[in-house]
Amino acid sequence: MLLVMVGQPHEFITLTDKEKTGPLTRALKRCVAKGKLRRDVIDKTVVPYYIRTVDDVRAAVQGAESIEIDNETPGAKLEIIDCRSIAAVTKDDNNGMDGIFDLFWSIHMHCIQAANPSEEEFVSIKEEARKLFDEIYDANEGVPSTFVACTLRRRQE
């Protein structure tokens, strides 16, 4: 079994520049500052985004060994073959930042919708986030990110 998950550090969550916040947080704050978004929308926006490290995955597999389900410990049957952190760059060679932004937006838009912004607020957030992408990222360099890839198999009995 191969598992791939978002790893730490991840550019969409914590940028490496001086502001140290991701583009969604920045876009929300800019919209509030411009009077285009109610502050409570930020307070209600929850991004259930759990970035992992190799150590997190190893600890989770080890912890699963002792969890009983129906008088069995299925986690004890798993064995890690390999687990590594992989640095990647997301690029869209054909469309500059458009494809990368579309990926970002498809991942995060539902978190914003769950905070119940008006249609105008929602559009403002998307437009501000898109502007930020052009400010923050270079289309030729892409967006750096990290993934954790883990290969597991059933233990030989």
N, C-alpha and C. Protein backbone atom coordinates (compact mmCIF):
# COMPACT_ATOMS: atom_id res chain seq x y z
N MET A 1 0.84 -1.15 0.00
CA MET A 1 0.00 0.00 0.00
C MET A 1 0.90 1.23 0.00
N LEU A 2 0.56 2.20 -0.83
CA LEU A 2 1.30 3.45 -0.89
C LEU A 2 0.41 4.58 -0.40
N LEU A 3 0.86 5.32 0.58
CA LEU A 3 0.16 6.49 1.08
C LEU A 3 1.00 7.72 0.77
N VAL A 4 0.37 8.74 0.24
CA VAL A 4 1.05 10.00 0.01
C VAL A 4 0.22 11.09 0.67
N MET A 5 0.87 11.91 1.48
CA MET A 5 0.16 12.97 2.18
C MET A 5 0.95 14.26 2.15
N VAL A 6 0.26 15.35 2.41
CA VAL A 6 0.92 16.64 2.45
C VAL A 6 1.90 16.65 3.61
N GLY A 7 3.11 17.11 3.34
CA GLY A 7 4.16 17.11 4.34
C GLY A 7 4.50 18.50 4.84
N GLN A 8 5.32 18.52 5.86
CA GLN A 8 5.79 19.75 6.45
C GLN A 8 7.23 19.98 6.02
N PRO A 9 7.65 21.11 5.56
CA PRO A 9 6.87 22.34 5.42
C PRO A 9 6.05 22.33 4.13
N HIS A 10 4.96 23.07 4.12
CA HIS A 10 4.13 23.18 2.92
C HIS A 10 3.82 24.63 2.66
N GLU A 11 4.11 25.06 1.47
CA GLU A 11 4.03 26.48 1.09
C GLU A 11 2.63 27.06 1.22
N PHE A 12 1.58 26.29 1.00
CA PHE A 12 0.23 26.84 1.09
C PHE A 12 -0.17 27.13 2.53
N ILE A 13 0.53 26.56 3.50
CA ILE A 13 0.19 26.76 4.90
C ILE A 13 1.08 27.82 5.53
N THR A 14 2.38 27.65 5.45
CA THR A 14 3.31 28.58 6.07
C THR A 14 4.38 28.95 5.06
N LEU A 15 4.28 30.15 4.57
CA LEU A 15 5.28 30.60 3.59
C LEU A 15 6.60 30.88 4.28
N THR A 16 7.64 30.85 3.51
CA THR A 16 8.97 31.06 4.08
C THR A 16 9.37 32.54 4.07
N ASP A 17 8.48 33.41 3.63
CA ASP A 17 8.83 34.83 3.62
C ASP A 17 8.53 35.46 4.98
N LYS A 18 8.67 36.77 5.07
CA LYS A 18 8.57 37.46 6.35
C LYS A 18 7.18 37.39 6.99
N GLU A 19 6.12 37.24 6.21
CA GLU A 19 4.77 37.22 6.79
C GLU A 19 4.44 35.89 7.46
N LYS A 20 5.04 34.84 7.00
CA LYS A 20 4.88 33.51 7.61
C LYS A 20 3.43 32.99 7.65
N THR A 21 2.58 33.47 6.77
CA THR A 21 1.22 32.93 6.69
C THR A 21 0.93 32.54 5.25
N GLY A 22 0.03 31.62 5.09
CA GLY A 22 -0.32 31.13 3.76
C GLY A 22 -1.18 32.11 2.98
N PRO A 23 -1.33 31.86 1.69
CA PRO A 23 -2.07 32.79 0.83
C PRO A 23 -3.55 32.91 1.19
N LEU A 24 -4.17 31.87 1.71
CA LEU A 24 -5.58 31.97 2.07
C LEU A 24 -5.75 32.93 3.25
N THR A 25 -4.93 32.77 4.27
CA THR A 25 -5.01 33.66 5.43
C THR A 25 -4.76 35.10 5.01
N ARG A 26 -3.78 35.31 4.17
CA ARG A 26 -3.48 36.67 3.70
C ARG A 26 -4.66 37.25 2.93
N ALA A 27 -5.25 36.44 2.05
CA ALA A 27 -6.38 36.93 1.25
C ALA A 27 -7.56 37.31 2.15
N LEU A 28 -7.85 36.47 3.13
CA LEU A 28 -8.95 36.77 4.06
C LEU A 28 -8.68 38.08 4.80
N LYS A 29 -7.47 38.25 5.31
CA LYS A 29 -7.13 39.47 6.05
C LYS A 29 -7.19 40.71 5.16
N ARG A 30 -6.72 40.59 3.94
CA ARG A 30 -6.77 41.74 3.02
C ARG A 30 -8.22 42.13 2.71
N CYS A 31 -9.07 41.13 2.54
CA CYS A 31 -10.48 41.42 2.26
C CYS A 31 -11.14 42.13 3.44
N VAL A 32 -10.83 41.72 4.66
CA VAL A 32 -11.36 42.41 5.84
C VAL A 32 -10.85 43.84 5.87
N ALA A 33 -9.56 44.03 5.64
CA ALA A 33 -8.97 45.37 5.66
C ALA A 33 -9.59 46.29 4.61
N LYS A 34 -10.00 45.72 3.48
CA LYS A 34 -10.62 46.51 2.41
C LYS A 34 -12.13 46.67 2.60
N GLY A 35 -12.67 46.07 3.66
CA GLY A 35 -14.11 46.17 3.91
C GLY A 35 -14.95 45.26 3.02
N LYS A 36 -14.32 44.25 2.44
CA LYS A 36 -15.03 43.34 1.54
C LYS A 36 -15.40 42.02 2.21
N LEU A 37 -15.08 41.87 3.50
CA LEU A 37 -15.34 40.62 4.19
C LEU A 37 -15.57 40.90 5.68
N ARG A 38 -16.60 40.26 6.22
CA ARG A 38 -16.86 40.35 7.66
C ARG A 38 -15.80 39.56 8.41
N ARG A 39 -15.34 40.09 9.52
CA ARG A 39 -14.30 39.44 10.33
C ARG A 39 -14.74 38.06 10.80
N ASP A 40 -16.02 37.87 11.09
CA ASP A 40 -16.47 36.57 11.60
C ASP A 40 -16.31 35.44 10.59
N VAL A 41 -16.20 35.77 9.31
CA VAL A 41 -15.95 34.72 8.30
C VAL A 41 -14.56 34.13 8.52
N ILE A 42 -13.58 34.98 8.84
CA ILE A 42 -12.24 34.46 9.15
C ILE A 42 -12.31 33.57 10.39
N ASP A 43 -13.01 34.05 11.41
CA ASP A 43 -13.10 33.30 12.66
C ASP A 43 -13.78 31.94 12.48
N LYS A 44 -14.68 31.85 11.51
CA LYS A 44 -15.41 30.60 11.27
C LYS A 44 -14.72 29.69 10.25
N THR A 45 -13.72 30.20 9.57
CA THR A 45 -13.03 29.40 8.55
C THR A 45 -12.06 28.44 9.22
N VAL A 46 -12.28 27.17 9.00
CA VAL A 46 -11.42 26.13 9.55
C VAL A 46 -10.87 25.32 8.38
N VAL A 47 -9.56 25.22 8.33
CA VAL A 47 -8.93 24.43 7.28
C VAL A 47 -8.40 23.15 7.93
N PRO A 48 -9.11 22.03 7.73
CA PRO A 48 -8.69 20.77 8.36
C PRO A 48 -7.53 20.13 7.60
N TYR A 49 -6.42 20.77 7.68
CA TYR A 49 -5.26 20.47 6.86
C TYR A 49 -4.17 20.00 7.81
N TYR A 50 -3.91 18.74 7.85
CA TYR A 50 -2.96 18.19 8.80
C TYR A 50 -1.69 17.79 8.07
N ILE A 51 -0.68 18.63 8.18
CA ILE A 51 0.57 18.34 7.50
C ILE A 51 1.41 17.41 8.36
N ARG A 52 2.06 16.48 7.72
CA ARG A 52 2.76 15.40 8.42
C ARG A 52 4.25 15.40 8.13
N THR A 53 4.94 14.74 9.04
CA THR A 53 6.37 14.48 8.86
C THR A 53 6.54 12.96 8.83
N VAL A 54 7.72 12.52 8.43
CA VAL A 54 8.02 11.09 8.44
C VAL A 54 7.87 10.54 9.86
N ASP A 55 8.34 11.29 10.86
CA ASP A 55 8.21 10.84 12.25
C ASP A 55 6.75 10.68 12.67
N ASP A 56 5.87 11.59 12.21
CA ASP A 56 4.44 11.47 12.51
C ASP A 56 3.89 10.15 11.99
N VAL A 57 4.24 9.81 10.76
CA VAL A 57 3.72 8.60 10.14
C VAL A 57 4.25 7.36 10.87
N ARG A 58 5.52 7.36 11.16
CA ARG A 58 6.09 6.21 11.88
C ARG A 58 5.42 6.05 13.25
N ALA A 59 5.19 7.15 13.96
CA ALA A 59 4.54 7.09 15.27
C ALA A 59 3.10 6.59 15.14
N ALA A 60 2.40 7.01 14.09
CA ALA A 60 1.02 6.57 13.89
C ALA A 60 0.95 5.08 13.62
N VAL A 61 1.84 4.58 12.78
CA VAL A 61 1.85 3.14 12.49
C VAL A 61 2.19 2.36 13.76
N GLN A 62 3.15 2.85 14.51
CA GLN A 62 3.51 2.18 15.76
C GLN A 62 2.34 2.21 16.74
N GLY A 63 1.67 3.35 16.84
CA GLY A 63 0.53 3.46 17.74
C GLY A 63 -0.63 2.57 17.34
N ALA A 64 -0.79 2.36 16.04
CA ALA A 64 -1.89 1.52 15.55
C ALA A 64 -1.71 0.05 15.92
N GLU A 65 -0.49 -0.34 16.25
CA GLU A 65 -0.23 -1.74 16.59
C GLU A 65 -1.03 -2.21 17.80
N SER A 66 -1.36 -1.30 18.70
CA SER A 66 -2.04 -1.70 19.93
C SER A 66 -3.53 -1.37 19.95
N ILE A 67 -4.06 -0.81 18.89
CA ILE A 67 -5.49 -0.46 18.86
C ILE A 67 -6.31 -1.70 18.51
N GLU A 68 -7.23 -2.02 19.40
CA GLU A 68 -8.08 -3.20 19.18
C GLU A 68 -9.38 -2.82 18.49
N ILE A 69 -9.73 -3.62 17.52
CA ILE A 69 -11.01 -3.50 16.83
C ILE A 69 -11.60 -4.90 16.74
N ASP A 70 -12.74 -5.09 17.37
CA ASP A 70 -13.39 -6.41 17.38
C ASP A 70 -12.43 -7.50 17.85
N ASN A 71 -11.73 -7.23 18.95
CA ASN A 71 -10.79 -8.17 19.56
C ASN A 71 -9.61 -8.53 18.68
N GLU A 72 -9.31 -7.69 17.71
CA GLU A 72 -8.14 -7.87 16.86
C GLU A 72 -7.33 -6.59 16.84
N THR A 73 -6.08 -6.69 16.47
CA THR A 73 -5.22 -5.51 16.32
C THR A 73 -4.73 -5.45 14.87
N PRO A 74 -5.58 -4.95 13.97
CA PRO A 74 -5.20 -4.94 12.55
C PRO A 74 -3.96 -4.09 12.26
N GLY A 75 -3.72 -3.06 13.07
CA GLY A 75 -2.54 -2.23 12.87
C GLY A 75 -1.24 -2.99 13.09
N ALA A 76 -1.30 -4.02 13.91
CA ALA A 76 -0.10 -4.83 14.18
C ALA A 76 0.32 -5.63 12.95
N LYS A 77 -0.56 -5.71 11.97
CA LYS A 77 -0.26 -6.46 10.76
C LYS A 77 0.45 -5.60 9.71
N LEU A 78 0.60 -4.30 10.00
CA LEU A 78 1.25 -3.41 9.04
C LEU A 78 2.74 -3.27 9.31
N GLU A 79 3.49 -3.20 8.24
CA GLU A 79 4.93 -3.02 8.33
C GLU A 79 5.33 -1.92 7.35
N ILE A 80 6.11 -0.95 7.82
CA ILE A 80 6.59 0.11 6.94
C ILE A 80 7.77 -0.41 6.13
N ILE A 81 7.66 -0.31 4.84
CA ILE A 81 8.76 -0.69 3.95
C ILE A 81 9.66 0.51 3.73
N ASP A 82 9.05 1.66 3.48
CA ASP A 82 9.81 2.88 3.26
C ASP A 82 8.92 4.06 3.60
N CYS A 83 9.51 5.10 4.16
CA CYS A 83 8.76 6.31 4.46
C CYS A 83 9.73 7.47 4.31
N ARG A 84 9.40 8.40 3.43
CA ARG A 84 10.33 9.49 3.17
C ARG A 84 9.60 10.79 2.85
N SER A 85 10.32 11.86 3.09
CA SER A 85 9.84 13.19 2.76
C SER A 85 10.33 13.52 1.36
N ILE A 86 9.44 14.04 0.53
CA ILE A 86 9.78 14.33 -0.86
C ILE A 86 9.50 15.80 -1.15
N ALA A 87 10.52 16.52 -1.52
CA ALA A 87 10.36 17.92 -1.93
C ALA A 87 9.86 17.93 -3.37
N ALA A 88 8.89 18.78 -3.63
CA ALA A 88 8.31 18.85 -4.98
C ALA A 88 8.09 20.30 -5.36
N VAL A 89 7.87 20.52 -6.63
CA VAL A 89 7.51 21.84 -7.14
C VAL A 89 6.30 21.65 -8.04
N THR A 90 5.25 22.39 -7.76
CA THR A 90 4.05 22.34 -8.58
C THR A 90 4.15 23.45 -9.61
N LYS A 91 4.10 23.07 -10.89
CA LYS A 91 4.20 24.04 -11.97
C LYS A 91 3.12 23.77 -13.00
N ASP A 92 2.79 24.81 -13.74
CA ASP A 92 1.87 24.68 -14.86
C ASP A 92 2.57 25.34 -16.05
N ASP A 93 3.25 24.55 -16.84
CA ASP A 93 4.06 25.09 -17.93
C ASP A 93 3.23 25.78 -19.01
N ASN A 94 1.94 25.46 -19.09
CA ASN A 94 1.11 26.01 -20.15
C ASN A 94 0.36 27.28 -19.74
N ASN A 95 0.03 27.41 -18.47
CA ASN A 95 -0.87 28.48 -18.05
C ASN A 95 -0.31 29.37 -16.95
N GLY A 96 0.98 29.43 -16.79
CA GLY A 96 1.54 30.26 -15.73
C GLY A 96 1.05 29.81 -14.36
N MET A 97 0.45 30.71 -13.62
CA MET A 97 -0.03 30.38 -12.28
C MET A 97 -1.48 29.90 -12.28
N ASP A 98 -2.17 29.97 -13.40
CA ASP A 98 -3.60 29.64 -13.42
C ASP A 98 -3.90 28.22 -12.93
N GLY A 99 -3.18 27.26 -13.45
CA GLY A 99 -3.43 25.87 -13.06
C GLY A 99 -3.08 25.61 -11.60
N ILE A 100 -2.01 26.23 -11.13
CA ILE A 100 -1.61 26.07 -9.73
C ILE A 100 -2.65 26.71 -8.83
N PHE A 101 -3.12 27.89 -9.21
CA PHE A 101 -4.15 28.54 -8.40
C PHE A 101 -5.43 27.71 -8.40
N ASP A 102 -5.81 27.17 -9.53
CA ASP A 102 -7.02 26.34 -9.59
C ASP A 102 -6.91 25.14 -8.64
N LEU A 103 -5.73 24.53 -8.57
CA LEU A 103 -5.52 23.43 -7.64
C LEU A 103 -5.67 23.92 -6.21
N PHE A 104 -5.00 25.01 -5.86
CA PHE A 104 -5.10 25.60 -4.53
C PHE A 104 -6.56 25.91 -4.18
N TRP A 105 -7.27 26.56 -5.09
CA TRP A 105 -8.63 26.98 -4.82
C TRP A 105 -9.56 25.77 -4.65
N SER A 106 -9.38 24.75 -5.46
CA SER A 106 -10.24 23.57 -5.34
C SER A 106 -10.06 22.87 -4.00
N ILE A 107 -8.87 22.97 -3.42
CA ILE A 107 -8.60 22.37 -2.11
C ILE A 107 -9.20 23.20 -0.99
N HIS A 108 -9.12 24.52 -1.09
CA HIS A 108 -9.46 25.40 0.03
C HIS A 108 -10.84 26.04 -0.02
N MET A 109 -11.48 26.11 -1.18
CA MET A 109 -12.72 26.86 -1.31
C MET A 109 -13.85 26.36 -0.41
N HIS A 110 -13.89 25.06 -0.17
CA HIS A 110 -14.99 24.51 0.64
C HIS A 110 -14.86 24.93 2.10
N CYS A 111 -13.66 25.15 2.57
CA CYS A 111 -13.45 25.63 3.94
C CYS A 111 -14.04 27.03 4.09
N ILE A 112 -13.91 27.83 3.05
CA ILE A 112 -14.46 29.18 3.08
C ILE A 112 -15.98 29.12 2.98
N GLN A 113 -16.49 28.29 2.09
CA GLN A 113 -17.94 28.17 1.93
C GLN A 113 -18.60 27.74 3.23
N ALA A 114 -17.93 26.88 3.99
CA ALA A 114 -18.49 26.40 5.26
C ALA A 114 -18.61 27.52 6.29
N ALA A 115 -17.89 28.63 6.10
CA ALA A 115 -17.96 29.77 7.02
C ALA A 115 -19.09 30.73 6.64
N ASN A 116 -19.83 30.39 5.61
CA ASN A 116 -21.01 31.13 5.15
C ASN A 116 -20.76 32.59 4.74
N PRO A 117 -19.81 32.83 3.86
CA PRO A 117 -19.66 34.19 3.36
C PRO A 117 -20.78 34.47 2.36
N SER A 118 -21.06 35.75 2.11
CA SER A 118 -22.01 36.08 1.04
C SER A 118 -21.33 35.75 -0.29
N GLU A 119 -22.10 35.76 -1.35
CA GLU A 119 -21.54 35.49 -2.68
C GLU A 119 -20.48 36.54 -3.03
N GLU A 120 -20.76 37.80 -2.69
CA GLU A 120 -19.81 38.87 -2.97
C GLU A 120 -18.52 38.68 -2.18
N GLU A 121 -18.65 38.29 -0.91
CA GLU A 121 -17.46 38.05 -0.09
C GLU A 121 -16.63 36.89 -0.65
N PHE A 122 -17.32 35.83 -1.05
CA PHE A 122 -16.65 34.65 -1.60
C PHE A 122 -15.84 35.02 -2.85
N VAL A 123 -16.46 35.78 -3.74
CA VAL A 123 -15.78 36.22 -4.97
C VAL A 123 -14.60 37.11 -4.62
N SER A 124 -14.75 38.00 -3.64
CA SER A 124 -13.65 38.87 -3.23
C SER A 124 -12.47 38.08 -2.71
N ILE A 125 -12.75 37.06 -1.92
CA ILE A 125 -11.68 36.21 -1.38
C ILE A 125 -10.92 35.53 -2.51
N LYS A 126 -11.66 34.97 -3.45
CA LYS A 126 -11.01 34.28 -4.57
C LYS A 126 -10.16 35.25 -5.39
N GLU A 127 -10.70 36.44 -5.67
CA GLU A 127 -9.95 37.41 -6.45
C GLU A 127 -8.69 37.86 -5.72
N GLU A 128 -8.80 38.08 -4.42
CA GLU A 128 -7.64 38.52 -3.63
C GLU A 128 -6.59 37.41 -3.56
N ALA A 129 -7.04 36.18 -3.38
CA ALA A 129 -6.11 35.05 -3.34
C ALA A 129 -5.38 34.92 -4.67
N ARG A 130 -6.09 35.12 -5.77
CA ARG A 130 -5.46 35.02 -7.09
C ARG A 130 -4.40 36.10 -7.27
N LYS A 131 -4.70 37.33 -6.82
CA LYS A 131 -3.71 38.41 -6.90
C LYS A 131 -2.47 38.05 -6.07
N LEU A 132 -2.70 37.49 -4.91
CA LEU A 132 -1.59 37.10 -4.04
C LEU A 132 -0.68 36.08 -4.71
N PHE A 133 -1.26 35.16 -5.44
CA PHE A 133 -0.43 34.16 -6.12
C PHE A 133 0.58 34.82 -7.05
N ASP A 134 0.14 35.85 -7.76
CA ASP A 134 1.07 36.54 -8.66
C ASP A 134 2.12 37.33 -7.88
N GLU A 135 1.77 37.82 -6.69
CA GLU A 135 2.73 38.55 -5.86
C GLU A 135 3.75 37.61 -5.20
N ILE A 136 3.28 36.49 -4.73
CA ILE A 136 4.09 35.59 -3.92
C ILE A 136 4.96 34.66 -4.76
N TYR A 137 4.36 34.08 -5.79
CA TYR A 137 5.03 33.02 -6.54
C TYR A 137 5.50 33.48 -7.91
N ASP A 138 6.49 32.80 -8.41
CA ASP A 138 7.02 33.01 -9.75
C ASP A 138 6.59 31.83 -10.60
N ALA A 139 5.84 32.10 -11.66
CA ALA A 139 5.32 31.03 -12.51
C ALA A 139 6.42 30.14 -13.07
N ASN A 140 7.59 30.72 -13.32
CA ASN A 140 8.70 29.93 -13.86
C ASN A 140 9.30 28.98 -12.83
N GLU A 141 9.23 29.37 -11.57
CA GLU A 141 9.79 28.53 -10.50
C GLU A 141 8.76 27.57 -9.92
N GLY A 142 7.48 27.91 -9.99
CA GLY A 142 6.44 27.07 -9.42
C GLY A 142 6.32 27.27 -7.92
N VAL A 143 5.52 26.40 -7.30
CA VAL A 143 5.27 26.49 -5.87
C VAL A 143 5.92 25.28 -5.19
N PRO A 144 6.85 25.54 -4.29
CA PRO A 144 7.50 24.42 -3.59
C PRO A 144 6.57 23.81 -2.55
N SER A 145 6.69 22.52 -2.36
CA SER A 145 5.90 21.84 -1.35
C SER A 145 6.61 20.56 -0.95
N THR A 146 6.10 19.95 0.08
CA THR A 146 6.67 18.72 0.59
C THR A 146 5.57 17.68 0.74
N PHE A 147 5.87 16.46 0.41
CA PHE A 147 4.93 15.36 0.59
C PHE A 147 5.64 14.25 1.36
N VAL A 148 4.87 13.50 2.10
CA VAL A 148 5.40 12.32 2.77
C VAL A 148 4.82 11.12 2.03
N ALA A 149 5.69 10.24 1.57
CA ALA A 149 5.27 9.02 0.89
C ALA A 149 5.67 7.83 1.76
N CYS A 150 4.74 6.96 1.98
CA CYS A 150 4.98 5.81 2.86
C CYS A 150 4.46 4.55 2.18
N THR A 151 5.32 3.56 2.10
CA THR A 151 4.93 2.26 1.55
C THR A 151 4.81 1.29 2.71
N LEU A 152 3.65 0.66 2.79
CA LEU A 152 3.39 -0.32 3.86
C LEU A 152 2.99 -1.65 3.23
N ARG A 153 3.17 -2.70 3.99
CA ARG A 153 2.68 -4.01 3.54
C ARG A 153 2.21 -4.78 4.77
N ARG A 154 1.49 -5.82 4.48
CA ARG A 154 1.03 -6.71 5.56
C ARG A 154 2.23 -7.52 6.02
N ARG A 155 2.42 -7.59 7.33
CA ARG A 155 3.54 -8.35 7.88
C ARG A 155 3.42 -9.82 7.48
N GLN A 156 4.56 -10.41 7.22
CA GLN A 156 4.59 -11.83 6.92
C GLN A 156 4.38 -12.60 8.21
N GLU A 157 3.46 -13.51 8.21
CA GLU A 157 3.18 -14.27 9.45
C GLU A 157 3.88 -15.59 9.47
